[in-house]
Amino acid sequence: MRLCIDRPRVVNMPERLYLARGLLGRIDCVVESNPPQNVIVWKKDDHLMDIENSRHIRVSRRHGTMLIKPVSTADEGQYTCMPYSSLGAGDESSAVHVFVRGTCHATGHFSRVY
């Protein structure tokens, strides 16, 4: 029997991501790891994010997905994630550049701003 143990690594990080202003935004940090990752750390524009004290950003502990609600123009920037497992830190992901587009109105209709 052969047991494979791997440090966590991020796979499939897109180069660009477009989020709709005023709605729920999602940035996925897809990780391959054995044992599984237990923490995902996010950076925005090369600065560690203080997600614990944020009112509009949450990270799924199980999957590492960052949820932003509501998305605003302040959320534009370059994001990276770094997974950790019981074996230690994995490599930081490549950067995904997040762009915010559109405007959400209370009526539910959207106008596009490009």
PDB file of N, CA and C in Angstrom:
ATOM      1  N   MET A   1       0.842  -1.176   0.000  1.00  0.00           N
ATOM      2  CA  MET A   1       0.000   0.000   0.000  1.00  0.00           C
ATOM      3  C   MET A   1       0.889   1.241   0.000  1.00  0.00           C
ATOM      4  N   ARG A   2       0.497   2.201  -0.805  1.00  0.00           N
ATOM      5  CA  ARG A   2       1.274   3.434  -0.923  1.00  0.00           C
ATOM      6  C   ARG A   2       0.425   4.608  -0.472  1.00  0.00           C
ATOM      7  N   LEU A   3       0.968   5.439   0.402  1.00  0.00           N
ATOM      8  CA  LEU A   3       0.266   6.610   0.909  1.00  0.00           C
ATOM      9  C   LEU A   3       0.932   7.854   0.348  1.00  0.00           C
ATOM     10  N   CYS A   4       0.154   8.691  -0.310  1.00  0.00           N
ATOM     11  CA  CYS A   4       0.681   9.937  -0.871  1.00  0.00           C
ATOM     12  C   CYS A   4       0.349  11.087   0.067  1.00  0.00           C
ATOM     13  N   ILE A   5       1.373  11.828   0.424  1.00  0.00           N
ATOM     14  CA  ILE A   5       1.196  12.999   1.278  1.00  0.00           C
ATOM     15  C   ILE A   5       1.725  14.200   0.510  1.00  0.00           C
ATOM     16  N   ASP A   6       0.883  15.213   0.379  1.00  0.00           N
ATOM     17  CA  ASP A   6       1.251  16.388  -0.397  1.00  0.00           C
ATOM     18  C   ASP A   6       0.954  17.658   0.379  1.00  0.00           C
ATOM     19  N   ARG A   7       1.884  18.586   0.284  1.00  0.00           N
ATOM     20  CA  ARG A   7       1.598  19.923   0.802  1.00  0.00           C
ATOM     21  C   ARG A   7       0.462  20.510  -0.023  1.00  0.00           C
ATOM     22  N   PRO A   8      -0.322  21.403   0.575  1.00  0.00           N
ATOM     23  CA  PRO A   8      -1.438  21.974  -0.188  1.00  0.00           C
ATOM     24  C   PRO A   8      -0.947  22.852  -1.332  1.00  0.00           C
ATOM     25  N   ARG A   9      -1.682  22.784  -2.463  1.00  0.00           N
ATOM     26  CA  ARG A   9      -1.363  23.659  -3.585  1.00  0.00           C
ATOM     27  C   ARG A   9      -2.650  24.133  -4.229  1.00  0.00           C
ATOM     28  N   VAL A  10      -2.611  25.383  -4.675  1.00  0.00           N
ATOM     29  CA  VAL A  10      -3.775  26.001  -5.307  1.00  0.00           C
ATOM     30  C   VAL A  10      -3.791  25.629  -6.781  1.00  0.00           C
ATOM     31  N   VAL A  11      -4.966  25.252  -7.266  1.00  0.00           N
ATOM     32  CA  VAL A  11      -5.135  24.907  -8.683  1.00  0.00           C
ATOM     33  C   VAL A  11      -6.238  25.769  -9.289  1.00  0.00           C
ATOM     34  N   ASN A  12      -6.099  26.069 -10.574  1.00  0.00           N
ATOM     35  CA  ASN A  12      -7.145  26.742 -11.348  1.00  0.00           C
ATOM     36  C   ASN A  12      -7.526  28.137 -10.878  1.00  0.00           C
ATOM     37  N   MET A  13      -6.577  28.955 -10.488  1.00  0.00           N
ATOM     38  CA  MET A  13      -6.888  30.342 -10.135  1.00  0.00           C
ATOM     39  C   MET A  13      -6.962  31.143 -11.432  1.00  0.00           C
ATOM     40  N   PRO A  14      -8.099  31.795 -11.703  1.00  0.00           N
ATOM     41  CA  PRO A  14      -8.211  32.561 -12.950  1.00  0.00           C
ATOM     42  C   PRO A  14      -7.351  33.819 -12.911  1.00  0.00           C
ATOM     43  N   GLU A  15      -7.050  34.371 -14.081  1.00  0.00           N
ATOM     44  CA  GLU A  15      -6.294  35.625 -14.134  1.00  0.00           C
ATOM     45  C   GLU A  15      -7.171  36.821 -13.809  1.00  0.00           C
ATOM     46  N   ARG A  16      -8.448  36.765 -14.267  1.00  0.00           N
ATOM     47  CA  ARG A  16      -9.398  37.862 -14.069  1.00  0.00           C
ATOM     48  C   ARG A  16     -10.724  37.316 -13.579  1.00  0.00           C
ATOM     49  N   LEU A  17     -11.412  38.160 -12.810  1.00  0.00           N
ATOM     50  CA  LEU A  17     -12.738  37.810 -12.330  1.00  0.00           C
ATOM     51  C   LEU A  17     -13.568  39.082 -12.291  1.00  0.00           C
ATOM     52  N   TYR A  18     -14.780  39.017 -12.828  1.00  0.00           N
ATOM     53  CA  TYR A  18     -15.679  40.166 -12.849  1.00  0.00           C
ATOM     54  C   TYR A  18     -16.816  39.922 -11.874  1.00  0.00           C
ATOM     55  N   LEU A  19     -17.013  40.864 -10.941  1.00  0.00           N
ATOM     56  CA  LEU A  19     -18.081  40.763  -9.958  1.00  0.00           C
ATOM     57  C   LEU A  19     -19.072  41.901 -10.171  1.00  0.00           C
ATOM     58  N   ALA A  20     -20.344  41.647  -9.854  1.00  0.00           N
ATOM     59  CA  ALA A  20     -21.394  42.646 -10.028  1.00  0.00           C
ATOM     60  C   ALA A  20     -21.549  43.479  -8.760  1.00  0.00           C
ATOM     61  N   ARG A  21     -21.436  44.789  -8.923  1.00  0.00           N
ATOM     62  CA  ARG A  21     -21.577  45.711  -7.804  1.00  0.00           C
ATOM     63  C   ARG A  21     -22.949  45.533  -7.148  1.00  0.00           C
ATOM     64  N   GLY A  22     -22.951  45.457  -5.818  1.00  0.00           N
ATOM     65  CA  GLY A  22     -24.186  45.368  -5.060  1.00  0.00           C
ATOM     66  C   GLY A  22     -24.684  43.961  -4.806  1.00  0.00           C
ATOM     67  N   LEU A  23     -24.097  42.975  -5.464  1.00  0.00           N
ATOM     68  CA  LEU A  23     -24.529  41.585  -5.301  1.00  0.00           C
ATOM     69  C   LEU A  23     -23.493  40.782  -4.518  1.00  0.00           C
ATOM     70  N   LEU A  24     -23.734  39.490  -4.383  1.00  0.00           N
ATOM     71  CA  LEU A  24     -22.799  38.586  -3.730  1.00  0.00           C
ATOM     72  C   LEU A  24     -21.677  38.239  -4.696  1.00  0.00           C
ATOM     73  N   GLY A  25     -20.430  38.404  -4.269  1.00  0.00           N
ATOM     74  CA  GLY A  25     -19.276  38.013  -5.064  1.00  0.00           C
ATOM     75  C   GLY A  25     -18.598  36.807  -4.447  1.00  0.00           C
ATOM     76  N   ARG A  26     -17.969  36.011  -5.293  1.00  0.00           N
ATOM     77  CA  ARG A  26     -17.338  34.777  -4.823  1.00  0.00           C
ATOM     78  C   ARG A  26     -15.985  34.618  -5.505  1.00  0.00           C
ATOM     79  N   ILE A  27     -14.952  34.369  -4.696  1.00  0.00           N
ATOM     80  CA  ILE A  27     -13.625  34.062  -5.225  1.00  0.00           C
ATOM     81  C   ILE A  27     -13.227  32.716  -4.637  1.00  0.00           C
ATOM     82  N   ASP A  28     -13.007  31.738  -5.509  1.00  0.00           N
ATOM     83  CA  ASP A  28     -12.679  30.386  -5.064  1.00  0.00           C
ATOM     84  C   ASP A  28     -11.172  30.187  -4.985  1.00  0.00           C
ATOM     85  N   CYS A  29     -10.744  29.500  -3.940  1.00  0.00           N
ATOM     86  CA  CYS A  29      -9.360  29.071  -3.789  1.00  0.00           C
ATOM     87  C   CYS A  29      -9.399  27.548  -3.775  1.00  0.00           C
ATOM     88  N   VAL A  30      -9.275  26.952  -4.963  1.00  0.00           N
ATOM     89  CA  VAL A  30      -9.377  25.496  -5.095  1.00  0.00           C
ATOM     90  C   VAL A  30      -8.015  24.893  -4.756  1.00  0.00           C
ATOM     91  N   VAL A  31      -8.032  23.972  -3.801  1.00  0.00           N
ATOM     92  CA  VAL A  31      -6.782  23.417  -3.263  1.00  0.00           C
ATOM     93  C   VAL A  31      -6.776  21.903  -3.386  1.00  0.00           C
ATOM     94  N   GLU A  32      -5.621  21.363  -3.790  1.00  0.00           N
ATOM     95  CA  GLU A  32      -5.367  19.920  -3.720  1.00  0.00           C
ATOM     96  C   GLU A  32      -4.400  19.704  -2.570  1.00  0.00           C
ATOM     97  N   SER A  33      -4.753  18.790  -1.669  1.00  0.00           N
ATOM     98  CA  SER A  33      -3.909  18.582  -0.501  1.00  0.00           C
ATOM     99  C   SER A  33      -4.255  17.256   0.156  1.00  0.00           C
ATOM    100  N   ASN A  34      -3.230  16.565   0.636  1.00  0.00           N
ATOM    101  CA  ASN A  34      -3.419  15.352   1.422  1.00  0.00           C
ATOM    102  C   ASN A  34      -2.363  15.352   2.516  1.00  0.00           C
ATOM    103  N   PRO A  35      -2.721  15.644   3.751  1.00  0.00           N
ATOM    104  CA  PRO A  35      -4.051  15.828   4.303  1.00  0.00           C
ATOM    105  C   PRO A  35      -4.700  17.139   3.832  1.00  0.00           C
ATOM    106  N   PRO A  36      -6.025  17.264   3.985  1.00  0.00           N
ATOM    107  CA  PRO A  36      -6.729  18.446   3.494  1.00  0.00           C
ATOM    108  C   PRO A  36      -6.264  19.731   4.189  1.00  0.00           C
ATOM    109  N   GLN A  37      -6.448  20.848   3.472  1.00  0.00           N
ATOM    110  CA  GLN A  37      -6.100  22.134   4.068  1.00  0.00           C
ATOM    111  C   GLN A  37      -7.029  22.404   5.238  1.00  0.00           C
ATOM    112  N   ASN A  38      -6.520  23.153   6.227  1.00  0.00           N
ATOM    113  CA  ASN A  38      -7.374  23.516   7.352  1.00  0.00           C
ATOM    114  C   ASN A  38      -7.518  25.032   7.497  1.00  0.00           C
ATOM    115  N   VAL A  39      -6.703  25.777   6.767  1.00  0.00           N
ATOM    116  CA  VAL A  39      -6.786  27.242   6.802  1.00  0.00           C
ATOM    117  C   VAL A  39      -6.423  27.775   5.421  1.00  0.00           C
ATOM    118  N   ILE A  40      -7.151  28.819   4.995  1.00  0.00           N
ATOM    119  CA  ILE A  40      -6.815  29.556   3.779  1.00  0.00           C
ATOM    120  C   ILE A  40      -6.606  31.007   4.193  1.00  0.00           C
ATOM    121  N   VAL A  41      -5.474  31.573   3.842  1.00  0.00           N
ATOM    122  CA  VAL A  41      -5.176  32.976   4.137  1.00  0.00           C
ATOM    123  C   VAL A  41      -5.267  33.756   2.829  1.00  0.00           C
ATOM    124  N   TRP A  42      -5.966  34.883   2.868  1.00  0.00           N
ATOM    125  CA  TRP A  42      -6.153  35.715   1.680  1.00  0.00           C
ATOM    126  C   TRP A  42      -5.386  37.019   1.801  1.00  0.00           C
ATOM    127  N   LYS A  43      -4.869  37.472   0.655  1.00  0.00           N
ATOM    128  CA  LYS A  43      -4.233  38.789   0.554  1.00  0.00           C
ATOM    129  C   LYS A  43      -4.936  39.582  -0.544  1.00  0.00           C
ATOM    130  N   LYS A  44      -4.992  40.892  -0.348  1.00  0.00           N
ATOM    131  CA  LYS A  44      -5.495  41.795  -1.387  1.00  0.00           C
ATOM    132  C   LYS A  44      -4.415  42.842  -1.609  1.00  0.00           C
ATOM    133  N   ASP A  45      -4.000  42.986  -2.852  1.00  0.00           N
ATOM    134  CA  ASP A  45      -2.954  43.951  -3.212  1.00  0.00           C
ATOM    135  C   ASP A  45      -1.713  43.787  -2.325  1.00  0.00           C
ATOM    136  N   ASP A  46      -1.313  42.541  -2.119  1.00  0.00           N
ATOM    137  CA  ASP A  46      -0.126  42.153  -1.339  1.00  0.00           C
ATOM    138  C   ASP A  46      -0.220  42.459   0.155  1.00  0.00           C
ATOM    139  N   HIS A  47      -1.426  42.705   0.659  1.00  0.00           N
ATOM    140  CA  HIS A  47      -1.616  42.946   2.096  1.00  0.00           C
ATOM    141  C   HIS A  47      -2.540  41.870   2.660  1.00  0.00           C
ATOM    142  N   LEU A  48      -2.141  41.315   3.803  1.00  0.00           N
ATOM    143  CA  LEU A  48      -2.952  40.312   4.476  1.00  0.00           C
ATOM    144  C   LEU A  48      -4.319  40.902   4.813  1.00  0.00           C
ATOM    145  N   MET A  49      -5.376  40.172   4.500  1.00  0.00           N
ATOM    146  CA  MET A  49      -6.734  40.659   4.753  1.00  0.00           C
ATOM    147  C   MET A  49      -7.172  40.314   6.177  1.00  0.00           C
ATOM    148  N   ASP A  50      -7.813  41.265   6.842  1.00  0.00           N
ATOM    149  CA  ASP A  50      -8.354  41.054   8.183  1.00  0.00           C
ATOM    150  C   ASP A  50      -9.822  40.648   8.044  1.00  0.00           C
ATOM    151  N   ILE A  51     -10.048  39.411   7.650  1.00  0.00           N
ATOM    152  CA  ILE A  51     -11.395  38.932   7.351  1.00  0.00           C
ATOM    153  C   ILE A  51     -12.216  38.768   8.624  1.00  0.00           C
ATOM    154  N   GLU A  52     -11.577  38.426   9.725  1.00  0.00           N
ATOM    155  CA  GLU A  52     -12.301  38.234  10.986  1.00  0.00           C
ATOM    156  C   GLU A  52     -13.050  39.495  11.419  1.00  0.00           C
ATOM    157  N   ASN A  53     -12.500  40.668  11.105  1.00  0.00           N
ATOM    158  CA  ASN A  53     -13.115  41.930  11.516  1.00  0.00           C
ATOM    159  C   ASN A  53     -13.854  42.635  10.382  1.00  0.00           C
ATOM    160  N   SER A  54     -14.067  41.955   9.275  1.00  0.00           N
ATOM    161  CA  SER A  54     -14.769  42.544   8.141  1.00  0.00           C
ATOM    162  C   SER A  54     -16.266  42.286   8.263  1.00  0.00           C
ATOM    163  N   ARG A  55     -17.056  43.298   7.931  1.00  0.00           N
ATOM    164  CA  ARG A  55     -18.511  43.149   7.985  1.00  0.00           C
ATOM    165  C   ARG A  55     -19.070  42.560   6.700  1.00  0.00           C
ATOM    166  N   HIS A  56     -18.350  42.674   5.572  1.00  0.00           N
ATOM    167  CA  HIS A  56     -18.932  42.232   4.302  1.00  0.00           C
ATOM    168  C   HIS A  56     -18.153  41.121   3.609  1.00  0.00           C
ATOM    169  N   ILE A  57     -17.119  40.588   4.274  1.00  0.00           N
ATOM    170  CA  ILE A  57     -16.336  39.499   3.678  1.00  0.00           C
ATOM    171  C   ILE A  57     -16.281  38.325   4.644  1.00  0.00           C
ATOM    172  N   ARG A  58     -16.533  37.146   4.111  1.00  0.00           N
ATOM    173  CA  ARG A  58     -16.450  35.901   4.878  1.00  0.00           C
ATOM    174  C   ARG A  58     -15.669  34.873   4.059  1.00  0.00           C
ATOM    175  N   VAL A  59     -15.033  33.933   4.754  1.00  0.00           N
ATOM    176  CA  VAL A  59     -14.337  32.834   4.074  1.00  0.00           C
ATOM    177  C   VAL A  59     -14.873  31.522   4.615  1.00  0.00           C
ATOM    178  N   SER A  60     -15.265  30.640   3.705  1.00  0.00           N
ATOM    179  CA  SER A  60     -15.713  29.305   4.074  1.00  0.00           C
ATOM    180  C   SER A  60     -14.512  28.529   4.605  1.00  0.00           C
ATOM    181  N   ARG A  61     -14.582  28.103   5.840  1.00  0.00           N
ATOM    182  CA  ARG A  61     -13.465  27.342   6.432  1.00  0.00           C
ATOM    183  C   ARG A  61     -13.269  26.008   5.732  1.00  0.00           C
ATOM    184  N   ARG A  62     -14.344  25.432   5.256  1.00  0.00           N
ATOM    185  CA  ARG A  62     -14.255  24.107   4.633  1.00  0.00           C
ATOM    186  C   ARG A  62     -13.629  24.168   3.238  1.00  0.00           C
ATOM    187  N   HIS A  63     -14.033  25.173   2.445  1.00  0.00           N
ATOM    188  CA  HIS A  63     -13.587  25.222   1.060  1.00  0.00           C
ATOM    189  C   HIS A  63     -12.624  26.363   0.751  1.00  0.00           C
ATOM    190  N   GLY A  64     -12.505  27.348   1.640  1.00  0.00           N
ATOM    191  CA  GLY A  64     -11.607  28.464   1.380  1.00  0.00           C
ATOM    192  C   GLY A  64     -12.165  29.512   0.456  1.00  0.00           C
ATOM    193  N   THR A  65     -13.432  29.394   0.084  1.00  0.00           N
ATOM    194  CA  THR A  65     -14.069  30.354  -0.808  1.00  0.00           C
ATOM    195  C   THR A  65     -14.318  31.664  -0.066  1.00  0.00           C
ATOM    196  N   MET A  66     -13.935  32.779  -0.692  1.00  0.00           N
ATOM    197  CA  MET A  66     -14.208  34.088  -0.113  1.00  0.00           C
ATOM    198  C   MET A  66     -15.523  34.605  -0.678  1.00  0.00           C
ATOM    199  N   LEU A  67     -16.405  35.030   0.214  1.00  0.00           N
ATOM    200  CA  LEU A  67     -17.687  35.603  -0.170  1.00  0.00           C
ATOM    201  C   LEU A  67     -17.697  37.078   0.200  1.00  0.00           C
ATOM    202  N   ILE A  68     -18.076  37.925  -0.754  1.00  0.00           N
ATOM    203  CA  ILE A  68     -18.119  39.366  -0.551  1.00  0.00           C
ATOM    204  C   ILE A  68     -19.559  39.810  -0.764  1.00  0.00           C
ATOM    205  N   LYS A  69     -20.154  40.431   0.258  1.00  0.00           N
ATOM    206  CA  LYS A  69     -21.548  40.878   0.130  1.00  0.00           C
ATOM    207  C   LYS A  69     -21.769  42.140   0.935  1.00  0.00           C
ATOM    208  N   PRO A  70     -22.199  43.191   0.300  1.00  0.00           N
ATOM    209  CA  PRO A  70     -22.331  43.391  -1.134  1.00  0.00           C
ATOM    210  C   PRO A  70     -21.003  43.821  -1.743  1.00  0.00           C
ATOM    211  N   VAL A  71     -20.800  43.487  -3.007  1.00  0.00           N
ATOM    212  CA  VAL A  71     -19.587  43.879  -3.728  1.00  0.00           C
ATOM    213  C   VAL A  71     -19.628  45.387  -3.985  1.00  0.00           C
ATOM    214  N   SER A  72     -18.497  46.059  -3.786  1.00  0.00           N
ATOM    215  CA  SER A  72     -18.381  47.487  -4.088  1.00  0.00           C
ATOM    216  C   SER A  72     -17.090  47.720  -4.869  1.00  0.00           C
ATOM    217  N   THR A  73     -16.930  48.913  -5.402  1.00  0.00           N
ATOM    218  CA  THR A  73     -15.717  49.225  -6.168  1.00  0.00           C
ATOM    219  C   THR A  73     -14.468  49.118  -5.298  1.00  0.00           C
ATOM    220  N   ALA A  74     -14.611  49.263  -3.990  1.00  0.00           N
ATOM    221  CA  ALA A  74     -13.472  49.116  -3.075  1.00  0.00           C
ATOM    222  C   ALA A  74     -12.932  47.690  -3.081  1.00  0.00           C
ATOM    223  N   ASP A  75     -13.709  46.741  -3.582  1.00  0.00           N
ATOM    224  CA  ASP A  75     -13.280  45.344  -3.628  1.00  0.00           C
ATOM    225  C   ASP A  75     -12.427  45.027  -4.847  1.00  0.00           C
ATOM    226  N   GLU A  76     -12.279  45.975  -5.775  1.00  0.00           N
ATOM    227  CA  GLU A  76     -11.394  45.746  -6.921  1.00  0.00           C
ATOM    228  C   GLU A  76      -9.954  45.628  -6.442  1.00  0.00           C
ATOM    229  N   GLY A  77      -9.191  44.780  -7.099  1.00  0.00           N
ATOM    230  CA  GLY A  77      -7.782  44.621  -6.760  1.00  0.00           C
ATOM    231  C   GLY A  77      -7.282  43.243  -7.128  1.00  0.00           C
ATOM    232  N   GLN A  78      -6.054  42.957  -6.691  1.00  0.00           N
ATOM    233  CA  GLN A  78      -5.450  41.655  -6.956  1.00  0.00           C
ATOM    234  C   GLN A  78      -5.476  40.820  -5.678  1.00  0.00           C
ATOM    235  N   TYR A  79      -6.042  39.628  -5.793  1.00  0.00           N
ATOM    236  CA  TYR A  79      -6.201  38.728  -4.655  1.00  0.00           C
ATOM    237  C   TYR A  79      -5.353  37.477  -4.843  1.00  0.00           C
ATOM    238  N   THR A  80      -4.780  37.005  -3.745  1.00  0.00           N
ATOM    239  CA  THR A  80      -4.090  35.720  -3.728  1.00  0.00           C
ATOM    240  C   THR A  80      -4.543  34.960  -2.481  1.00  0.00           C
ATOM    241  N   CYS A  81      -4.414  33.654  -2.539  1.00  0.00           N
ATOM    242  CA  CYS A  81      -4.716  32.837  -1.365  1.00  0.00           C
ATOM    243  C   CYS A  81      -3.549  31.899  -1.100  1.00  0.00           C
ATOM    244  N   MET A  82      -3.397  31.513   0.159  1.00  0.00           N
ATOM    245  CA  MET A  82      -2.349  30.573   0.545  1.00  0.00           C
ATOM    246  C   MET A  82      -2.958  29.531   1.475  1.00  0.00           C
ATOM    247  N   PRO A  83      -2.910  28.267   1.076  1.00  0.00           N
ATOM    248  CA  PRO A  83      -3.479  27.203   1.911  1.00  0.00           C
ATOM    249  C   PRO A  83      -2.456  26.672   2.926  1.00  0.00           C
ATOM    250  N   TYR A  84      -2.977  26.252   4.063  1.00  0.00           N
ATOM    251  CA  TYR A  84      -2.166  25.622   5.095  1.00  0.00           C
ATOM    252  C   TYR A  84      -2.812  24.291   5.465  1.00  0.00           C
ATOM    253  N   SER A  85      -1.988  23.302   5.738  1.00  0.00           N
ATOM    254  CA  SER A  85      -2.474  22.016   6.249  1.00  0.00           C
ATOM    255  C   SER A  85      -1.591  21.638   7.433  1.00  0.00           C
ATOM    256  N   SER A  86      -1.817  20.455   7.956  1.00  0.00           N
ATOM    257  CA  SER A  86      -0.989  19.998   9.076  1.00  0.00           C
ATOM    258  C   SER A  86       0.473  19.817   8.660  1.00  0.00           C
ATOM    259  N   LEU A  87       0.744  19.798   7.347  1.00  0.00           N
ATOM    260  CA  LEU A  87       2.124  19.701   6.850  1.00  0.00           C
ATOM    261  C   LEU A  87       2.788  21.072   6.710  1.00  0.00           C
ATOM    262  N   GLY A  88       2.002  22.134   6.895  1.00  0.00           N
ATOM    263  CA  GLY A  88       2.545  23.484   6.770  1.00  0.00           C
ATOM    264  C   GLY A  88       1.899  24.253   5.633  1.00  0.00           C
ATOM    265  N   ALA A  89       2.591  25.321   5.243  1.00  0.00           N
ATOM    266  CA  ALA A  89       2.057  26.222   4.218  1.00  0.00           C
ATOM    267  C   ALA A  89       2.309  25.680   2.827  1.00  0.00           C
ATOM    268  N   GLY A  90       1.326  25.887   1.973  1.00  0.00           N
ATOM    269  CA  GLY A  90       1.504  25.624   0.556  1.00  0.00           C
ATOM    270  C   GLY A  90       2.020  26.893  -0.104  1.00  0.00           C
ATOM    271  N   ASP A  91       2.165  26.864  -1.411  1.00  0.00           N
ATOM    272  CA  ASP A  91       2.602  28.051  -2.134  1.00  0.00           C
ATOM    273  C   ASP A  91       1.431  29.000  -2.330  1.00  0.00           C
ATOM    274  N   GLU A  92       1.736  30.284  -2.351  1.00  0.00           N
ATOM    275  CA  GLU A  92       0.718  31.292  -2.617  1.00  0.00           C
ATOM    276  C   GLU A  92       0.219  31.136  -4.052  1.00  0.00           C
ATOM    277  N   SER A  93      -1.061  31.363  -4.247  1.00  0.00           N
ATOM    278  CA  SER A  93      -1.650  31.248  -5.582  1.00  0.00           C
ATOM    279  C   SER A  93      -1.137  32.354  -6.487  1.00  0.00           C
ATOM    280  N   SER A  94      -1.359  32.178  -7.773  1.00  0.00           N
ATOM    281  CA  SER A  94      -1.150  33.296  -8.685  1.00  0.00           C
ATOM    282  C   SER A  94      -2.253  34.310  -8.389  1.00  0.00           C
ATOM    283  N   ALA A  95      -2.030  35.552  -8.780  1.00  0.00           N
ATOM    284  CA  ALA A  95      -2.997  36.610  -8.479  1.00  0.00           C
ATOM    285  C   ALA A  95      -4.182  36.557  -9.426  1.00  0.00           C
ATOM    286  N   VAL A  96      -5.365  36.796  -8.877  1.00  0.00           N
ATOM    287  CA  VAL A  96      -6.561  36.986  -9.684  1.00  0.00           C
ATOM    288  C   VAL A  96      -6.920  38.463  -9.567  1.00  0.00           C
ATOM    289  N   HIS A  97      -7.063  39.120 -10.722  1.00  0.00           N
ATOM    290  CA  HIS A  97      -7.423  40.533 -10.715  1.00  0.00           C
ATOM    291  C   HIS A  97      -8.939  40.635 -10.743  1.00  0.00           C
ATOM    292  N   VAL A  98      -9.506  41.239  -9.700  1.00  0.00           N
ATOM    293  CA  VAL A  98     -10.952  41.363  -9.570  1.00  0.00           C
ATOM    294  C   VAL A  98     -11.394  42.738 -10.054  1.00  0.00           C
ATOM    295  N   PHE A  99     -12.376  42.735 -10.970  1.00  0.00           N
ATOM    296  CA  PHE A  99     -12.979  43.955 -11.490  1.00  0.00           C
ATOM    297  C   PHE A  99     -14.435  43.986 -11.043  1.00  0.00           C
ATOM    298  N   VAL A 100     -14.920  45.161 -10.691  1.00  0.00           N
ATOM    299  CA  VAL A 100     -16.322  45.323 -10.297  1.00  0.00           C
ATOM    300  C   VAL A 100     -17.035  46.076 -11.397  1.00  0.00           C
ATOM    301  N   ARG A 101     -18.158  45.526 -11.834  1.00  0.00           N
ATOM    302  CA  ARG A 101     -18.921  46.111 -12.937  1.00  0.00           C
ATOM    303  C   ARG A 101     -20.396  46.190 -12.581  1.00  0.00           C
ATOM    304  N   GLY A 102     -21.093  47.122 -13.218  1.00  0.00           N
ATOM    305  CA  GLY A 102     -22.545  47.210 -13.088  1.00  0.00           C
ATOM    306  C   GLY A 102     -22.984  47.906 -11.819  1.00  0.00           C
ATOM    307  N   THR A 103     -24.265  48.204 -11.784  1.00  0.00           N
ATOM    308  CA  THR A 103     -24.872  48.846 -10.633  1.00  0.00           C
ATOM    309  C   THR A 103     -26.145  48.097 -10.292  1.00  0.00           C
ATOM    310  N   CYS A 104     -26.345  47.811  -9.031  1.00  0.00           N
ATOM    311  CA  CYS A 104     -27.547  47.129  -8.585  1.00  0.00           C
ATOM    312  C   CYS A 104     -28.508  48.170  -8.019  1.00  0.00           C
ATOM    313  N   HIS A 105     -29.741  48.176  -8.521  1.00  0.00           N
ATOM    314  CA  HIS A 105     -30.771  49.094  -8.041  1.00  0.00           C
ATOM    315  C   HIS A 105     -31.778  48.323  -7.203  1.00  0.00           C
ATOM    316  N   ALA A 106     -32.484  49.019  -6.322  1.00  0.00           N
ATOM    317  CA  ALA A 106     -33.467  48.385  -5.450  1.00  0.00           C
ATOM    318  C   ALA A 106     -34.593  47.723  -6.245  1.00  0.00           C
ATOM    319  N   THR A 107     -34.842  48.159  -7.467  1.00  0.00           N
ATOM    320  CA  THR A 107     -35.916  47.592  -8.281  1.00  0.00           C
ATOM    321  C   THR A 107     -35.543  46.205  -8.804  1.00  0.00           C
ATOM    322  N   GLY A 108     -34.279  45.846  -8.725  1.00  0.00           N
ATOM    323  CA  GLY A 108     -33.841  44.563  -9.242  1.00  0.00           C
ATOM    324  C   GLY A 108     -33.351  44.640 -10.668  1.00  0.00           C
ATOM    325  N   HIS A 109     -33.448  45.804 -11.299  1.00  0.00           N
ATOM    326  CA  HIS A 109     -32.928  45.978 -12.652  1.00  0.00           C
ATOM    327  C   HIS A 109     -31.486  46.438 -12.568  1.00  0.00           C
ATOM    328  N   PHE A 110     -30.686  46.045 -13.537  1.00  0.00           N
ATOM    329  CA  PHE A 110     -29.273  46.367 -13.516  1.00  0.00           C
ATOM    330  C   PHE A 110     -28.931  47.225 -14.722  1.00  0.00           C
ATOM    331  N   SER A 111     -28.101  48.211 -14.482  1.00  0.00           N
ATOM    332  CA  SER A 111     -27.541  48.960 -15.605  1.00  0.00           C
ATOM    333  C   SER A 111     -26.060  48.639 -15.647  1.00  0.00           C
ATOM    334  N   ARG A 112     -25.522  48.540 -16.823  1.00  0.00           N
ATOM    335  CA  ARG A 112     -24.121  48.173 -16.964  1.00  0.00           C
ATOM    336  C   ARG A 112     -23.259  49.420 -17.113  1.00  0.00           C
ATOM    337  N   VAL A 113     -22.165  49.418 -16.380  1.00  0.00           N
ATOM    338  CA  VAL A 113     -21.205  50.511 -16.468  1.00  0.00           C
ATOM    339  C   VAL A 113     -19.865  49.892 -16.848  1.00  0.00           C
ATOM    340  N   TYR A 114     -19.350  50.224 -18.017  1.00  0.00           N
ATOM    341  CA  TYR A 114     -18.074  49.658 -18.468  1.00  0.00           C
ATOM    342  C   TYR A 114     -17.110  50.743 -18.828  1.00  0.00           C
TER     343      TYR A 114
END
